[in-house]
Each structure stands twice: as structure tokens, then as C-alpha cells.
């Protein structure tokens, strides 16, 4: 009765332990469990199993351990005595004759405890199977118990047969529990009951694990579906709202990486020349630095007809590539890649790259979804490229219109080349010779001789005459802005660059660019100009993309470039590149035979503009013009004739020759001065007569300045120069 009471008490304690296990929170594994792959530790925490095992051992005083089906311990053994640990299990035959094998527990008696006797029924052990869904997932083993009816001497006899030391064995027997077969069966039945309850709890935990895992998978699938739908929405919005290609390059890879949960996403897009793809919009937070924005990829060359983009939805483990992309991917640690071509109307616009450092990260479903995304991207990229081309065309048209407007506003020195001297005819012969070629021309002459007019004549007689003739005075632009004027700049390239600007080389594409005062180009800018002349390509400030142009350059200078080259102020290679076909334009003093024609041309031009008809140029005036050296050349003559037309009241030209007296020298100066004395007096008399007729009123619509056709300030200046005093109250 006492032993039965003890067993009942033990049973109650064990059921209390199981009740604690029922109330313990179960944490399901991340993967979806089934009976083919489930293990004991998937369904129970080891601490829970250890707790119930220790309670069993404490209540029954019998050794106990829970193992996997293959015998690997799950818990630490409880109450295992030296007989089991140090003697019987260490002998050659002890384990086989003393402890039931784990496989036998599941096979022999699945409906009850398995009891094994050994040492001729002197020692007993037992075990029970833990299963779930018909699968054996663990064992509950009981250690050795001594039969109370078998004397120690009999056990010692059999122990000697398995090689156990008699002294050790005798001392170990003192630690073994002694009981009857009936008592041992009751404890074994209790072990079986507990194992069955663990099996039941295991099944409940398995169901709970499946439910939690399925719920997690559903949540993940819903989250992924939501992310992917949002990605499609973002791309669709980009199709209608993001017209700029840089905006698309930044937006699309970032959103795809967030939705697909991969390490890296970027677009590879063809460069300006259409030969190779380059990395655009790289989104790679964990980059090791090998894969970089803008780098050129030696894969899928667009211009090579034998090269093809990857098939739609290509998923690889990076084993078949032989390009630098494979080497870069290996250095970045990528194990899988998904390539999706971006194609619109048969045109290869880009390739979408997704990379991850795990194997088999992308599925065929991912590729199918990304193909839908790529179709939307293709529309967006196509629109952006068309918008980009239209924007560039618009920018060029705007720039051309602005330039033409300036040209219309500006006064051209000549409408035609005027003169018939031998020196001028020689220049025109050179123009006719070189005009039909694309050779660079260098015009050398003094200031004011009409170098731009010669450049225009070359352009107008060339095959480029229907395209733009663009001029730039290099001396009139500050050195810091000259590079931007020539080559253009991107928005933000420097302080004050608030928008993109195309340079004169782009404006003149297909036409002629006239660079006046080429000797004033800074030395540090000359290599870039040399490259354009040689390669016909350049980069805008703040841009790495090369721009190819087809421009003929006609340069002009009033400097001695050879002397500047010797002094190190002008590059020799640039000089020789410019001096392909030199033209020397003689100054006006070396072709004075053209002066009468020029005077007639300017008198007619400015007389028509001012509404005056001047039919006569006095011989004294023409003689003075012919004897003057004209250091300012044709420009000086033009300005002088314009002033003369202003001062001439009738059809006879009157010229302000006082200025000529100040610059001429020697005998010519004396002759001109003597011939001009009367003219100066005539100018003074004429102005004074007009003043008297207007009552010495200088300004106003009826004043003397209006009658003379000059500003009031100019009239006051002339009065001071000619010594005409102002009357009171004027």
C-alpha cells in the first residue's frame, strides 16, 4: 500500500508538470513543419522536457533520459547510477545486454512500454516511444532497476561474464534501485502514459506550428503582393509624371529593391555612342565598392549585331558569364542574378539587373512579375528618351533663335566685301580655294580689317552655307566663363549654373564656328580646344558624357601667334592645327585703292538709314582720306563716315577731320591739317547757324541737336571742341 501511495503521488506530481507544459507558450519555427521533417526539438523547448524528466526521476528514483530516435540525447540524464554509466555501458557487451536500443523501442511495442531484462533477469530497464502523426520522433528511456529476488552473488557471476570489475560492480550495486517486477511495471506504465501525453502535446504543437507558419507565410505573401502592386503603381505614375531620365534612373531601382528584398538593383543603359551599357541608378546599400554608378559594362554591346540581350526573365547563378560583370559580381559576393530586358517596339532600351548574395533568391514567379514591371519601365524610358531628344532640339532651336536675334540686332561691318585692289583680290582667291573644303582656316590681320567678313565669305561659299554661322570673340569673354561659352555646362556645374546651357560648338553643329581673337584663349583651355579640333568631341562642364559634333572652325587673330608660341603663351600643337590654311588680310593702308569704294558704300548705307541723300564727296575730303594711315583700318573709316553723314546738312559730305590731324604725322599730317582748316571752320559755322535759327535751344524736338541729328550731349561736346560758347539760359 505504501508503494502504491507513492506511485499515485508520483503520478499526480508528473501530471502537474504536464499541466505546466500545457500552459507554457509555444514558439513555432519559421519554416512550415510536417511529419516528414519534424523533430522533437521543433515541438518542445528542451527546458520543458528536462523539467518533466527531472520530476519523473525525483518521484520514482529511477534513472531517466529523453533522446532523439537515433539515440542522440535531448535532455541531460537524471539519476543515472555508476552501474549504467561507469560499468555496464563501458564493457564490451554491457550496452547490448543491458539497455534497449532506441530503434527497438519504437518497433517492439508501440502500444505499451518496452521492458528489457538482462543479467539473467537480475537487472531491468524500459522505454516508451514518442510519436506524432505516426512518425517516431523520440524516446523516453528508464535506467536500470535491480530485481529484489536475485542475490548480488548471482549478478556478480554474470557481471564477470561481460568483463566488469567485481569491486566496482559490487559498489555500484549499492546505488541501484531495488524493487519487484510489479512495481517496475507500474513505473514503466507511468513512463508510457507520459510519453503518450507528450505525443499528444506534440501533435497539438505541430498543428499550432503549421497554423502560425501558414499565417506568417500569408502575411509575407500579402506584404509582398502589396509591395509589388505599389511598385507597379509607382512605375505607372512615373510613366505619366517623370519625364526626366535621371529621375527615372533614381526612382525605379530603389523601388524595385524595396519590393523584391534583394541586395542590388540597377539599370544598364546604352551610352552616347550606343556601343556599351553603363550602370545607371545603382541602389546597393551594402556595396563593397566594386560595382559603381556610371561604370561601363563589357556585356551586351548594343552596336554589335551578334550580341543579344538576355532572354526575358533570365535567372542565373553567375556560372555562365565570361564578362567583367561576372568578375564584379563575384567580388561583390553575389550568388544569384535576375536579368530582365527593357524593350519597346523592338528597341533595346536597357537591362534591369537584380542581384543577391544568397543562392536561388529569385524564382520564375519573380521573373514573370519583373517582366510586367519592365514593360512599364520601357514605356517610361521611351518617353524620357523622346523628351530628352525633344528638349535638346528645343534648346538648340532656342539657342539658335537667340543667336540669330542677336545677329539681326548687331550691325554687320559689310553686306558684301567691297574693293577691287590687287591685295583684296588675292584674299578672295584664297577664300574661293578653301571654301569648298572642311579645312581649318586661320585669318591673320590687324584689328578692324574685316576678318569676320572674310570668315562669313568662306562659310557662304561652302557646303555648310545652309547651316549656322556662329561667332565668338574670345577676348570679349572673361577667362572663367569662356569654357562654358564654348562647350556649355550642366545645371549645378558651378555656382550660378541654375540651368543647363549648350555651348557655341553645339549651336554650330553642322555649320561654321568663327573664333575671333583666338590668341586670347587661356593656356589651360587650349588642350580642350585642340581635342575638339582633332576628335570633334567634348564634354560639357559638369558632365562626363562625350558629345560629338561636326563643326568647321575659322579662327582669326591680330597677334603674332608664332611669337606667342616661342614665349610659351600659345601651344605649338594648337597653332599647327589652326594654321592648316592661313590667310593674311592686309590692313587698309596697304590697299588704299579700296578707300573710294568703301567711302561710297558707307555714305550710301548711312545716308539711307538717316533719310539723307549725299551725292557729292569733295575732292579735298577724298584726298584727306587717301593720305591718312588708318591705324584703325576699315572700322575707323566706317565710324568716320558715319559721323560725317550725321554732320552733313545737305548733299555734300562734311567730315570731322580734326581727329585725323591728331593721329597723322610728318608731311602727310601737315597737308591734311591745311586742307582741313576750312572744313573745321565750315563745321563750326554750320553748327552756329543752326543754333541761331533755333534760338540757341539745344534739346527738344525743335532744338539744334534734333536738327543736326545728334544727341544733345554730342552737340555740347562739339560746341566745346569747336569753341562755340553757350548762350545764357541754355
Foldseek 3Di string as FASTA:
>chain_A
DVLVVLLVVLLVQLVVLVVVQVPDDWDADQAQDDQVDDALCRQDPLVSVQVSQQSLCVSPVWKKFKAWLQRHGSHDIDNDFCVCVPFQVPFPCSCVFFFDRSPCQCPVPQPFKAKHAGLVNQKIWIKYFAGEPPHTRMMMIIHIAGEQVDDVVSSLVSSVVRPTDSVVNVVRVVSHHYDHPVSVRSSRRSNHVVSVVSNVSSNVSSVVNNVVNVVVVVVVVVVLVVLLVVLLVVLLVLLVPVLAPLVCQQPNFVSVCVSLVAQWKWKFFAAPVQFWTFTTNIDGPPFPPLRDHGDTWPAQRRVDPVHDFDPQFDKDQLPPDDTVVSVSCVVRQWRMKTWHFQDDPNDGGIIMITTHNDHPSDDSVNSVSVNVVSPSVNSSSVSNVVVVVVVVVVQLVVVLVVQVVVVVVDDQLDPADFFDFPLVVVLVVLLLVPLADLAFEEEEEAAQARPVNSVLSSQCNYPLNVADEAEDEQVVDPQVCSLCQAAWAADPLDPPSNHTHGHPQVSQFSGEYEYEAVLPHFPVCLVQVLCCLVVQWHDHRPDDRIDHGDYRYYYYHHDDVVVCCVVVRHPPSSVVRNVPDYGYRYFCLVVVNRVVRLLVVLLVVLCVVVVAAADEEDPLNSVLVSLQNPPNGSVVVNVQSNVQSLLDLHNYTQTPCPVSLVPDDDPSSVSNVVSCPVSLVVSVVVLVVLCVVLVNAQDDCSHSCVSSVHDSVVSVVSCVVSVPDRDPPD
